Structure formats: structure tokens, C-alpha cells
N, C-alpha and C. Protein backbone atom coordinates (compact mmCIF):
# COMPACT_ATOMS: atom_id res chain seq x y z
N UNK A 1 2.38 7.94 -17.39
CA UNK A 1 3.75 8.32 -16.59
C UNK A 1 4.55 9.10 -16.60
N UNK A 2 5.26 9.78 -16.05
CA UNK A 2 6.46 10.68 -16.75
C UNK A 2 7.82 9.99 -16.24
N UNK A 3 8.94 10.57 -16.78
CA UNK A 3 9.98 10.10 -16.98
C UNK A 3 10.78 10.14 -15.35
N UNK A 4 10.13 10.76 -14.17
CA UNK A 4 10.51 10.58 -12.84
C UNK A 4 10.12 10.06 -12.28
N UNK A 5 8.45 9.39 -12.39
CA UNK A 5 7.81 8.27 -11.68
C UNK A 5 8.31 6.82 -12.59
N UNK A 6 9.08 7.01 -13.74
CA UNK A 6 9.49 5.14 -14.23
C UNK A 6 11.05 5.06 -13.96
N UNK A 7 11.68 6.14 -13.66
CA UNK A 7 12.97 6.46 -12.70
C UNK A 7 12.92 5.88 -11.27
N UNK A 8 11.85 6.54 -10.72
CA UNK A 8 11.23 5.91 -9.52
C UNK A 8 10.98 4.48 -9.05
N UNK A 9 10.45 4.10 -10.29
CA UNK A 9 9.98 2.44 -10.19
C UNK A 9 11.19 1.81 -10.51
N UNK A 10 12.04 1.90 -11.36
CA UNK A 10 13.11 1.09 -11.84
C UNK A 10 14.42 1.36 -10.62
N UNK A 11 13.80 2.31 -10.24
CA UNK A 11 15.14 2.41 -8.91
C UNK A 11 14.43 1.39 -7.19
N UNK A 12 13.69 1.12 -7.34
CA UNK A 12 12.71 0.33 -6.58
C UNK A 12 13.10 -0.99 -7.03
N UNK A 13 12.94 -0.95 -8.43
CA UNK A 13 12.66 -2.66 -8.28
C UNK A 13 14.71 -3.14 -8.83
N UNK A 14 15.01 -1.85 -8.67
CA UNK A 14 16.72 -2.91 -8.39
C UNK A 14 17.21 -2.92 -6.89
N UNK A 15 16.45 -2.27 -6.24
CA UNK A 15 16.61 -2.65 -4.58
C UNK A 15 15.85 -3.51 -4.37
N UNK A 16 14.78 -4.14 -4.90
CA UNK A 16 13.73 -5.18 -4.69
C UNK A 16 14.79 -6.51 -5.48
N UNK A 17 15.70 -6.09 -6.48
CA UNK A 17 16.46 -7.24 -6.91
C UNK A 17 17.40 -7.69 -5.46
N UNK A 18 18.20 -6.60 -5.53
CA UNK A 18 19.31 -6.71 -4.52
C UNK A 18 18.61 -7.26 -3.20
N UNK A 19 17.37 -6.92 -2.78
CA UNK A 19 17.00 -8.00 -1.31
C UNK A 19 16.37 -9.33 -1.27
N UNK A 20 16.12 -9.08 -2.47
CA UNK A 20 16.06 -11.20 -3.04
C UNK A 20 16.74 -11.54 -3.51
N UNK A 21 17.64 -11.19 -4.50
CA UNK A 21 19.02 -11.87 -4.54
C UNK A 21 19.97 -12.18 -3.49
N UNK A 22 19.95 -10.95 -2.63
CA UNK A 22 21.21 -10.97 -1.71
C UNK A 22 21.47 -12.48 -1.00
N UNK A 23 20.57 -13.09 -0.43
CA UNK A 23 20.57 -14.01 0.44
C UNK A 23 21.07 -14.99 -0.39
N UNK A 24 20.96 -15.78 -1.98
CA UNK A 24 21.22 -16.21 -2.53
C UNK A 24 22.67 -15.88 -2.69
N UNK A 25 23.15 -15.06 -3.22
CA UNK A 25 24.19 -14.75 -3.53
C UNK A 25 25.39 -14.57 -2.54
N UNK A 26 24.76 -14.16 -1.08
CA UNK A 26 25.64 -14.43 0.11
C UNK A 26 25.97 -15.73 0.36
N UNK A 27 24.30 -16.59 0.12
CA UNK A 27 24.60 -18.00 0.15
C UNK A 27 25.32 -19.16 -0.59
N UNK A 28 25.81 -18.42 -1.81
CA UNK A 28 26.59 -18.63 -3.09
C UNK A 28 28.18 -18.18 -3.07
N UNK A 29 28.00 -17.42 -1.79
CA UNK A 29 29.72 -16.61 -1.88
C UNK A 29 30.03 -17.97 -0.80
N UNK A 30 29.64 -17.67 0.32
CA UNK A 30 29.92 -18.00 1.46
C UNK A 30 30.78 -19.82 1.33
N UNK A 31 29.75 -20.75 0.62
CA UNK A 31 30.06 -22.07 0.53
C UNK A 31 30.98 -21.77 -1.33
N UNK A 32 30.77 -20.84 -1.75
CA UNK A 32 32.33 -21.07 -2.99
C UNK A 32 33.92 -20.60 -1.93
N UNK A 33 33.88 -19.92 -1.29
CA UNK A 33 34.94 -20.13 -0.49
C UNK A 33 35.12 -21.27 0.54
N UNK A 34 34.81 -21.60 1.19
CA UNK A 34 34.56 -22.75 1.88
C UNK A 34 35.20 -23.87 0.98
N UNK A 35 34.70 -24.37 -0.36
CA UNK A 35 34.49 -25.07 -1.18
C UNK A 35 36.21 -24.65 -1.91
N UNK A 36 36.70 -23.24 -2.15
CA UNK A 36 37.71 -23.23 -2.56
C UNK A 36 38.60 -23.25 -1.52
N UNK A 37 38.64 -22.77 -0.49
CA UNK A 37 39.77 -23.30 0.44
C UNK A 37 39.68 -24.72 0.98
N UNK A 38 38.69 -25.18 0.70
CA UNK A 38 39.02 -26.46 1.10
C UNK A 38 39.49 -27.54 -0.26
N UNK A 39 39.83 -27.00 -1.21
CA UNK A 39 40.33 -27.31 -2.69
C UNK A 39 41.50 -26.88 -2.81
N UNK A 40 41.89 -26.28 -2.49
CA UNK A 40 43.02 -25.80 -2.10
C UNK A 40 43.90 -26.71 -1.22
N UNK A 41 43.89 -26.78 0.31
CA UNK A 41 43.86 -27.51 1.55
C UNK A 41 43.99 -28.94 1.08
N UNK A 42 43.25 -29.75 -0.07
CA UNK A 42 43.44 -30.56 -0.88
C UNK A 42 44.28 -31.42 -1.69
N UNK A 43 44.23 -30.08 -2.39
CA UNK A 43 44.89 -30.06 -3.53
C UNK A 43 43.87 -31.14 -4.72
N UNK A 44 42.21 -30.45 -4.37
CA UNK A 44 41.51 -31.47 -5.74
C UNK A 44 40.96 -30.57 -6.21
N UNK A 45 41.24 -30.37 -7.73
CA UNK A 45 41.44 -29.32 -8.37
C UNK A 45 40.30 -29.88 -9.45
N UNK A 46 38.75 -30.61 -8.78
CA UNK A 46 38.31 -31.46 -9.61
C UNK A 46 36.65 -30.07 -9.73
N UNK A 47 36.31 -29.47 -11.02
CA UNK A 47 35.06 -28.79 -11.07
C UNK A 47 34.08 -29.08 -10.83
N UNK A 48 33.27 -30.25 -10.48
CA UNK A 48 32.48 -31.14 -10.09
C UNK A 48 32.55 -30.96 -8.78
N UNK A 49 33.70 -30.81 -7.94
CA UNK A 49 33.68 -31.22 -6.51
C UNK A 49 33.00 -29.80 -5.66
N UNK A 50 33.88 -28.64 -6.73
CA UNK A 50 33.23 -27.43 -6.21
C UNK A 50 31.60 -27.54 -6.46
N UNK A 51 30.69 -27.31 -7.90
CA UNK A 51 30.14 -27.15 -8.04
C UNK A 51 28.76 -27.80 -7.58
N UNK A 52 29.09 -28.99 -7.17
CA UNK A 52 27.74 -29.91 -6.38
C UNK A 52 27.44 -29.13 -5.13
N UNK A 53 28.34 -28.67 -4.21
CA UNK A 53 27.63 -28.11 -3.50
C UNK A 53 27.07 -26.74 -3.13
N UNK A 54 27.49 -26.13 -4.80
CA UNK A 54 26.43 -24.79 -4.87
C UNK A 54 25.52 -25.12 -5.45
N UNK A 55 25.34 -26.31 -5.83
CA UNK A 55 23.74 -26.41 -7.01
C UNK A 55 22.98 -26.78 -5.91
N UNK A 56 23.78 -27.45 -4.72
CA UNK A 56 22.71 -27.45 -3.71
C UNK A 56 22.27 -26.55 -2.09
N UNK A 57 22.74 -25.51 -2.42
CA UNK A 57 23.13 -24.49 -1.68
C UNK A 57 22.02 -23.73 -2.58
N UNK A 58 22.36 -23.51 -3.34
CA UNK A 58 21.05 -22.13 -4.46
C UNK A 58 19.59 -22.96 -4.55
N UNK A 59 19.54 -24.54 -4.21
CA UNK A 59 18.31 -25.40 -4.24
C UNK A 59 17.92 -25.22 -2.61
N UNK A 60 17.97 -25.53 -1.80
CA UNK A 60 18.15 -25.61 -0.43
C UNK A 60 17.14 -23.83 -0.48
N UNK A 61 18.50 -22.87 -0.44
CA UNK A 61 17.74 -21.53 -0.21
C UNK A 61 16.21 -21.06 -0.62
N UNK A 62 16.50 -21.89 -2.42
CA UNK A 62 15.15 -21.40 -2.76
C UNK A 62 13.94 -21.98 -2.37
N UNK A 63 13.86 -22.70 -2.20
CA UNK A 63 12.91 -24.12 -0.81
C UNK A 63 12.77 -23.20 -0.21
N UNK A 64 13.55 -22.71 0.95
CA UNK A 64 13.49 -22.38 1.76
C UNK A 64 13.09 -20.56 1.52
N UNK A 65 13.56 -19.73 0.81
CA UNK A 65 14.08 -18.84 0.88
C UNK A 65 12.29 -18.01 -0.50
N UNK A 66 11.66 -19.44 -1.02
CA UNK A 66 11.16 -18.96 -2.10
C UNK A 66 9.24 -18.27 -2.14
N UNK A 67 8.94 -18.86 -0.88
CA UNK A 67 7.66 -18.27 -1.42
C UNK A 67 7.81 -16.71 -0.33
N UNK A 68 9.15 -16.04 0.31
CA UNK A 68 9.16 -15.00 0.49
C UNK A 68 9.54 -13.86 -0.53
N UNK A 69 10.66 -14.43 -1.57
CA UNK A 69 11.13 -14.19 -2.76
C UNK A 69 9.82 -13.88 -3.17
N UNK A 70 8.67 -14.47 -3.91
CA UNK A 70 7.99 -14.54 -4.66
C UNK A 70 7.03 -13.55 -4.17
N UNK A 71 6.46 -13.63 -3.05
CA UNK A 71 5.84 -12.54 -2.07
C UNK A 71 6.27 -11.20 -2.28
N UNK A 72 7.06 -10.70 -2.10
CA UNK A 72 7.26 -9.34 -2.54
C UNK A 72 7.67 -9.17 -4.05
N UNK A 73 8.36 -9.82 -4.98
CA UNK A 73 8.04 -9.81 -6.32
C UNK A 73 6.46 -8.96 -6.55
N UNK A 74 5.99 -10.24 -6.01
CA UNK A 74 4.18 -10.41 -6.30
C UNK A 74 3.79 -9.14 -5.80
N UNK A 75 3.97 -8.31 -4.58
CA UNK A 75 3.83 -7.33 -4.18
C UNK A 75 4.54 -5.95 -5.26
N UNK A 76 5.39 -6.20 -5.51
CA UNK A 76 6.08 -5.17 -6.39
C UNK A 76 5.35 -4.95 -7.23
N UNK A 77 5.47 -5.63 -8.26
CA UNK A 77 4.44 -6.00 -9.76
C UNK A 77 2.92 -5.22 -9.23
N UNK A 78 2.21 -5.74 -8.31
CA UNK A 78 1.15 -5.06 -8.17
C UNK A 78 1.03 -3.61 -7.77
N UNK A 79 2.37 -3.51 -7.05
CA UNK A 79 1.95 -2.24 -6.96
C UNK A 79 2.35 -1.17 -8.66
N UNK A 80 3.27 -1.84 -9.39
CA UNK A 80 3.79 -1.21 -10.25
C UNK A 80 2.70 -1.10 -11.08
N UNK A 81 1.75 -2.08 -11.09
CA UNK A 81 0.66 -1.92 -12.31
C UNK A 81 -0.37 -1.09 -11.46
N UNK A 82 -0.64 -1.07 -10.68
CA UNK A 82 -1.53 0.26 -9.86
C UNK A 82 -0.83 1.69 -10.08
N UNK A 83 0.46 1.70 -10.02
CA UNK A 83 1.60 2.95 -10.17
C UNK A 83 0.79 3.15 -12.24
N UNK A 84 1.04 2.25 -13.08
CA UNK A 84 1.35 2.50 -14.49
C UNK A 84 -0.69 3.21 -15.16
N UNK A 85 -1.33 2.40 -14.05
CA UNK A 85 -2.86 2.68 -14.07
C UNK A 85 -2.80 3.53 -14.02
N UNK A 86 -2.76 4.21 -13.12
CA UNK A 86 -3.18 5.37 -11.90
C UNK A 86 -2.91 7.02 -12.49
């Protein structure tokens, strides 16, 4: 593989990483903002109060989006291996 093909594969991998990780990061951002506002309003500064909803958000999103994420990553891996072999 030449350097142009490698850089194109790297670029596609970074885009895929953004697409696959984006929903998780967006969910964490939304829940983190809501929990931050609630903690500020109620003056509860316990770290575990904010961490538990974020962990639950990641688990729920991973359960629902996991098959789609794995499918996208598997297709990319297969395409990458075919390009390297060919």
C-alpha cells in the first residue's frame, strides 16, 4: 500500500470513529449538562450523584446502538483487509 492509500484509510477510520462514537458522546453531553444544572440548583455536590446517570446512559446507549456500531466497525475492518490484500 502506498502512503496515499494509507492516509485515506486513516481518514476513513477517523470519520467512522466519529460516527460510531458520536451518539455516545452526545448522550453523555446531554446527561452531563442536565445533571450539572440539577446539582447546581439543589447544591448537591456529591460526585456519585452525577456519575451514576452517566454510566446508566452509556450502558443504555450501548445496548440499543451496540449492534449498529459493531456492524459498521466490522464492515470497515473487512474493507480495510480487502484493500491491504489487493
